[in-house]
N, C-alpha and C. Protein backbone atom coordinates (compact mmCIF):
# COMPACT_ATOMS: atom_id res chain seq x y z
N UNK A 1 -4.06 4.49 -0.84
CA UNK A 1 -4.69 3.65 -1.83
C UNK A 1 -6.05 4.26 -2.16
N UNK A 2 -6.35 4.39 -3.43
CA UNK A 2 -7.62 4.94 -3.89
C UNK A 2 -8.51 3.79 -4.34
N UNK A 3 -9.74 3.78 -3.85
CA UNK A 3 -10.69 2.73 -4.22
C UNK A 3 -11.79 3.32 -5.07
N UNK A 4 -12.07 2.66 -6.19
CA UNK A 4 -13.18 3.05 -7.05
C UNK A 4 -14.13 1.87 -7.19
N UNK A 5 -15.41 2.16 -7.12
CA UNK A 5 -16.45 1.17 -7.35
C UNK A 5 -16.96 1.43 -8.76
N UNK A 6 -16.81 0.43 -9.63
CA UNK A 6 -17.17 0.61 -11.03
C UNK A 6 -18.39 -0.24 -11.34
N UNK A 7 -19.49 0.43 -11.69
CA UNK A 7 -20.72 -0.24 -12.09
C UNK A 7 -20.63 -0.45 -13.60
N UNK A 8 -20.88 -1.69 -14.05
CA UNK A 8 -20.60 -2.04 -15.44
C UNK A 8 -21.81 -2.67 -16.10
N UNK A 9 -22.18 -2.13 -17.27
CA UNK A 9 -23.21 -2.75 -18.12
C UNK A 9 -22.49 -3.58 -19.18
N UNK A 10 -22.99 -4.78 -19.41
CA UNK A 10 -22.33 -5.69 -20.36
C UNK A 10 -23.34 -6.34 -21.30
N UNK A 11 -22.81 -7.03 -22.28
CA UNK A 11 -23.63 -7.92 -23.10
C UNK A 11 -24.06 -9.06 -22.19
N UNK A 12 -25.36 -9.26 -22.06
CA UNK A 12 -25.89 -10.22 -21.10
C UNK A 12 -25.41 -11.65 -21.38
N UNK A 13 -25.20 -11.98 -22.63
CA UNK A 13 -24.81 -13.35 -22.97
C UNK A 13 -23.35 -13.65 -22.65
N UNK A 14 -22.58 -12.65 -22.21
CA UNK A 14 -21.15 -12.87 -21.93
C UNK A 14 -20.74 -12.44 -20.52
N UNK A 15 -21.68 -12.31 -19.61
CA UNK A 15 -21.36 -11.80 -18.28
C UNK A 15 -20.24 -12.59 -17.60
N UNK A 16 -20.29 -13.93 -17.54
CA UNK A 16 -19.20 -14.65 -16.85
C UNK A 16 -17.82 -14.43 -17.48
N UNK A 17 -17.76 -14.42 -18.79
CA UNK A 17 -16.48 -14.23 -19.48
C UNK A 17 -15.93 -12.82 -19.26
N UNK A 18 -16.82 -11.84 -19.32
CA UNK A 18 -16.41 -10.45 -19.11
C UNK A 18 -15.95 -10.27 -17.66
N UNK A 19 -16.67 -10.84 -16.72
CA UNK A 19 -16.29 -10.75 -15.31
C UNK A 19 -14.90 -11.34 -15.09
N UNK A 20 -14.62 -12.47 -15.71
CA UNK A 20 -13.29 -13.09 -15.57
C UNK A 20 -12.20 -12.22 -16.18
N UNK A 21 -12.48 -11.62 -17.34
CA UNK A 21 -11.51 -10.74 -17.98
C UNK A 21 -11.20 -9.52 -17.11
N UNK A 22 -12.24 -8.96 -16.50
CA UNK A 22 -12.05 -7.79 -15.63
C UNK A 22 -11.29 -8.20 -14.37
N UNK A 23 -11.66 -9.32 -13.77
CA UNK A 23 -11.01 -9.79 -12.55
C UNK A 23 -9.53 -10.07 -12.76
N UNK A 24 -9.14 -10.37 -13.99
CA UNK A 24 -7.73 -10.67 -14.29
C UNK A 24 -6.86 -9.41 -14.36
N UNK A 25 -7.46 -8.24 -14.39
CA UNK A 25 -6.68 -7.00 -14.46
C UNK A 25 -5.99 -6.74 -13.12
N UNK A 26 -4.76 -6.22 -13.18
CA UNK A 26 -3.94 -6.02 -11.99
C UNK A 26 -4.59 -5.20 -10.88
N UNK A 27 -5.24 -4.12 -11.19
CA UNK A 27 -5.77 -3.22 -10.17
C UNK A 27 -7.18 -3.57 -9.71
N UNK A 28 -7.74 -4.63 -10.23
CA UNK A 28 -9.09 -5.04 -9.86
C UNK A 28 -9.00 -6.10 -8.76
N UNK A 29 -9.61 -5.80 -7.59
CA UNK A 29 -9.53 -6.75 -6.48
C UNK A 29 -10.70 -7.73 -6.45
N UNK A 30 -11.89 -7.29 -6.86
CA UNK A 30 -13.07 -8.16 -6.91
C UNK A 30 -13.98 -7.73 -8.03
N UNK A 31 -14.75 -8.70 -8.53
CA UNK A 31 -15.81 -8.41 -9.49
C UNK A 31 -17.04 -9.18 -9.02
N UNK A 32 -18.16 -8.48 -8.93
CA UNK A 32 -19.41 -9.09 -8.48
C UNK A 32 -20.42 -9.09 -9.61
N UNK A 33 -21.09 -10.20 -9.82
CA UNK A 33 -22.22 -10.27 -10.74
C UNK A 33 -23.44 -9.92 -9.90
N UNK A 34 -24.23 -8.92 -10.35
CA UNK A 34 -25.32 -8.40 -9.53
C UNK A 34 -26.62 -8.29 -10.32
N UNK A 35 -27.71 -8.10 -9.59
CA UNK A 35 -29.00 -7.83 -10.22
C UNK A 35 -29.20 -6.32 -10.29
N UNK A 36 -30.13 -5.91 -11.10
CA UNK A 36 -30.46 -4.49 -11.17
C UNK A 36 -30.05 -3.87 -12.49
N UNK A 37 -29.82 -2.58 -12.48
CA UNK A 37 -29.50 -1.81 -13.68
C UNK A 37 -28.17 -2.22 -14.30
N UNK A 38 -27.22 -2.60 -13.44
CA UNK A 38 -25.88 -2.98 -13.92
C UNK A 38 -25.71 -4.48 -13.82
N UNK A 39 -24.78 -5.01 -14.59
CA UNK A 39 -24.53 -6.45 -14.60
C UNK A 39 -23.38 -6.86 -13.69
N UNK A 40 -22.38 -6.00 -13.58
CA UNK A 40 -21.20 -6.28 -12.78
C UNK A 40 -20.81 -5.07 -11.95
N UNK A 41 -20.17 -5.33 -10.82
CA UNK A 41 -19.55 -4.28 -10.03
C UNK A 41 -18.10 -4.70 -9.79
N UNK A 42 -17.17 -3.82 -10.11
CA UNK A 42 -15.75 -4.11 -9.92
C UNK A 42 -15.18 -3.16 -8.87
N UNK A 43 -14.34 -3.69 -8.01
CA UNK A 43 -13.60 -2.88 -7.04
C UNK A 43 -12.21 -2.67 -7.61
N UNK A 44 -11.87 -1.41 -7.83
CA UNK A 44 -10.57 -1.06 -8.41
C UNK A 44 -9.78 -0.30 -7.35
N UNK A 45 -8.54 -0.75 -7.13
CA UNK A 45 -7.68 -0.10 -6.14
C UNK A 45 -6.37 0.30 -6.80
N UNK A 46 -6.07 1.60 -6.74
CA UNK A 46 -4.86 2.15 -7.37
C UNK A 46 -4.17 3.11 -6.40
N UNK A 47 -2.93 3.46 -6.72
CA UNK A 47 -2.16 4.37 -5.85
C UNK A 47 -2.44 5.84 -6.16
N UNK A 48 -2.66 6.17 -7.42
CA UNK A 48 -2.84 7.57 -7.84
C UNK A 48 -4.14 7.72 -8.61
N UNK A 49 -4.75 8.92 -8.54
CA UNK A 49 -5.98 9.17 -9.30
C UNK A 49 -5.78 8.96 -10.80
N UNK A 50 -4.62 9.36 -11.30
CA UNK A 50 -4.34 9.19 -12.74
C UNK A 50 -4.40 7.73 -13.17
N UNK A 51 -4.10 6.82 -12.25
CA UNK A 51 -4.14 5.39 -12.57
C UNK A 51 -5.56 4.91 -12.88
N UNK A 52 -6.56 5.61 -12.34
CA UNK A 52 -7.94 5.23 -12.61
C UNK A 52 -8.24 5.34 -14.11
N UNK A 53 -7.70 6.36 -14.75
CA UNK A 53 -7.94 6.55 -16.19
C UNK A 53 -7.32 5.41 -16.99
N UNK A 54 -6.20 4.90 -16.54
CA UNK A 54 -5.57 3.79 -17.24
C UNK A 54 -6.38 2.50 -17.08
N UNK A 55 -6.91 2.28 -15.89
CA UNK A 55 -7.61 1.03 -15.61
C UNK A 55 -9.03 1.03 -16.14
N UNK A 56 -9.80 2.09 -15.87
CA UNK A 56 -11.24 2.03 -16.18
C UNK A 56 -11.51 2.31 -17.66
N UNK A 57 -11.29 3.51 -18.18
CA UNK A 57 -11.52 3.68 -19.62
C UNK A 57 -10.44 3.01 -20.47
N UNK A 58 -9.23 2.88 -19.92
CA UNK A 58 -8.13 2.32 -20.70
C UNK A 58 -8.14 0.81 -20.83
N UNK A 59 -8.70 0.11 -19.83
CA UNK A 59 -8.71 -1.36 -19.89
C UNK A 59 -10.11 -1.96 -19.77
N UNK A 60 -10.83 -1.62 -18.69
CA UNK A 60 -12.15 -2.23 -18.48
C UNK A 60 -13.08 -1.91 -19.64
N UNK A 61 -13.17 -0.65 -20.02
CA UNK A 61 -14.11 -0.25 -21.07
C UNK A 61 -13.76 -0.84 -22.44
N UNK A 62 -12.53 -1.27 -22.62
CA UNK A 62 -12.11 -1.83 -23.91
C UNK A 62 -12.29 -3.34 -24.01
N UNK A 63 -12.73 -3.98 -22.93
CA UNK A 63 -13.00 -5.41 -22.98
C UNK A 63 -14.23 -5.65 -23.84
N UNK A 64 -14.14 -6.54 -24.82
CA UNK A 64 -15.30 -6.81 -25.68
C UNK A 64 -16.52 -7.23 -24.85
N UNK A 65 -17.63 -6.57 -25.10
CA UNK A 65 -18.86 -6.86 -24.39
C UNK A 65 -19.19 -5.87 -23.29
N UNK A 66 -18.23 -5.02 -22.88
CA UNK A 66 -18.51 -3.97 -21.91
C UNK A 66 -19.20 -2.83 -22.66
N UNK A 67 -20.42 -2.51 -22.24
CA UNK A 67 -21.22 -1.51 -22.93
C UNK A 67 -21.12 -0.13 -22.29
N UNK A 68 -20.80 -0.08 -21.00
CA UNK A 68 -20.67 1.21 -20.33
C UNK A 68 -20.29 1.03 -18.88
N UNK A 69 -19.74 2.10 -18.29
CA UNK A 69 -19.35 2.07 -16.88
C UNK A 69 -19.83 3.33 -16.17
N UNK A 70 -19.98 3.23 -14.88
CA UNK A 70 -20.32 4.36 -14.01
C UNK A 70 -19.41 4.22 -12.79
N UNK A 71 -18.50 5.16 -12.60
CA UNK A 71 -17.46 5.02 -11.57
C UNK A 71 -17.73 5.92 -10.38
N UNK A 72 -17.54 5.36 -9.18
CA UNK A 72 -17.68 6.08 -7.92
C UNK A 72 -16.39 5.93 -7.15
N UNK A 73 -15.76 7.05 -6.78
CA UNK A 73 -14.51 7.01 -6.03
C UNK A 73 -14.84 7.14 -4.54
N UNK A 74 -14.28 6.25 -3.74
CA UNK A 74 -14.54 6.23 -2.30
C UNK A 74 -13.72 7.30 -1.59
N UNK A 75 -14.36 8.01 -0.65
CA UNK A 75 -13.65 8.97 0.20
C UNK A 75 -12.95 8.24 1.34
N UNK A 76 -13.69 7.32 1.98
CA UNK A 76 -13.18 6.54 3.10
C UNK A 76 -13.70 5.12 2.97
N UNK A 77 -13.01 4.22 3.65
CA UNK A 77 -13.44 2.82 3.68
C UNK A 77 -13.72 2.43 5.13
N UNK A 78 -14.88 1.86 5.36
CA UNK A 78 -15.25 1.35 6.67
C UNK A 78 -15.56 -0.13 6.50
N UNK A 79 -15.04 -0.97 7.38
CA UNK A 79 -15.36 -2.39 7.29
C UNK A 79 -15.40 -3.01 8.67
N UNK A 80 -16.15 -4.07 8.81
CA UNK A 80 -16.24 -4.79 10.07
C UNK A 80 -14.88 -5.35 10.45
N UNK A 81 -14.11 -5.81 9.46
CA UNK A 81 -12.77 -6.35 9.71
C UNK A 81 -11.89 -5.31 10.39
N UNK A 82 -11.91 -4.06 9.91
CA UNK A 82 -11.11 -2.99 10.48
C UNK A 82 -11.53 -2.70 11.92
N UNK A 83 -12.83 -2.71 12.18
CA UNK A 83 -13.33 -2.44 13.53
C UNK A 83 -12.91 -3.53 14.49
N UNK A 84 -13.01 -4.78 14.08
CA UNK A 84 -12.61 -5.89 14.94
C UNK A 84 -11.13 -5.84 15.27
N UNK A 85 -10.30 -5.51 14.28
CA UNK A 85 -8.85 -5.42 14.51
C UNK A 85 -8.53 -4.28 15.48
N UNK A 86 -9.22 -3.17 15.38
CA UNK A 86 -8.98 -2.04 16.28
C UNK A 86 -9.33 -2.38 17.72
N UNK A 87 -10.43 -3.09 17.94
CA UNK A 87 -10.84 -3.45 19.29
C UNK A 87 -9.97 -4.55 19.88
N UNK A 88 -9.30 -5.32 19.04
CA UNK A 88 -8.47 -6.43 19.51
C UNK A 88 -7.06 -5.98 19.93
N UNK A 89 -6.68 -4.75 19.63
CA UNK A 89 -5.35 -4.27 19.97
C UNK A 89 -5.16 -4.28 21.49
N UNK A 90 -4.10 -4.92 21.92
CA UNK A 90 -3.76 -4.94 23.34
C UNK A 90 -4.46 -6.01 24.15
N UNK A 91 -5.34 -6.77 23.54
CA UNK A 91 -6.03 -7.83 24.27
C UNK A 91 -5.25 -9.13 24.18
N UNK A 92 -5.09 -9.80 25.29
CA UNK A 92 -4.45 -11.12 25.30
C UNK A 92 -5.52 -12.18 25.25
N UNK A 93 -5.33 -13.15 24.36
CA UNK A 93 -6.32 -14.23 24.25
C UNK A 93 -5.95 -15.39 25.12
């Protein structure tokens, strides 16, 4: 699974509507409304690199009110949930 973090600039007056439209897309797992240079951050998860082109410029960028995107592809994913599950293997509660 390939994860991309998409930083999104939007029309400020439509942030909630745009966030909902992005969150409704199949490959988008979460959308965060944030402070700073960007208005939204979307987590996109796809099976193939080519699928990123379909989702990000093909769908996200075409949503009315999306002004621009900046995409970062993750090399690895680290999470507290994964660490806790690894340490719990073989332990009886």
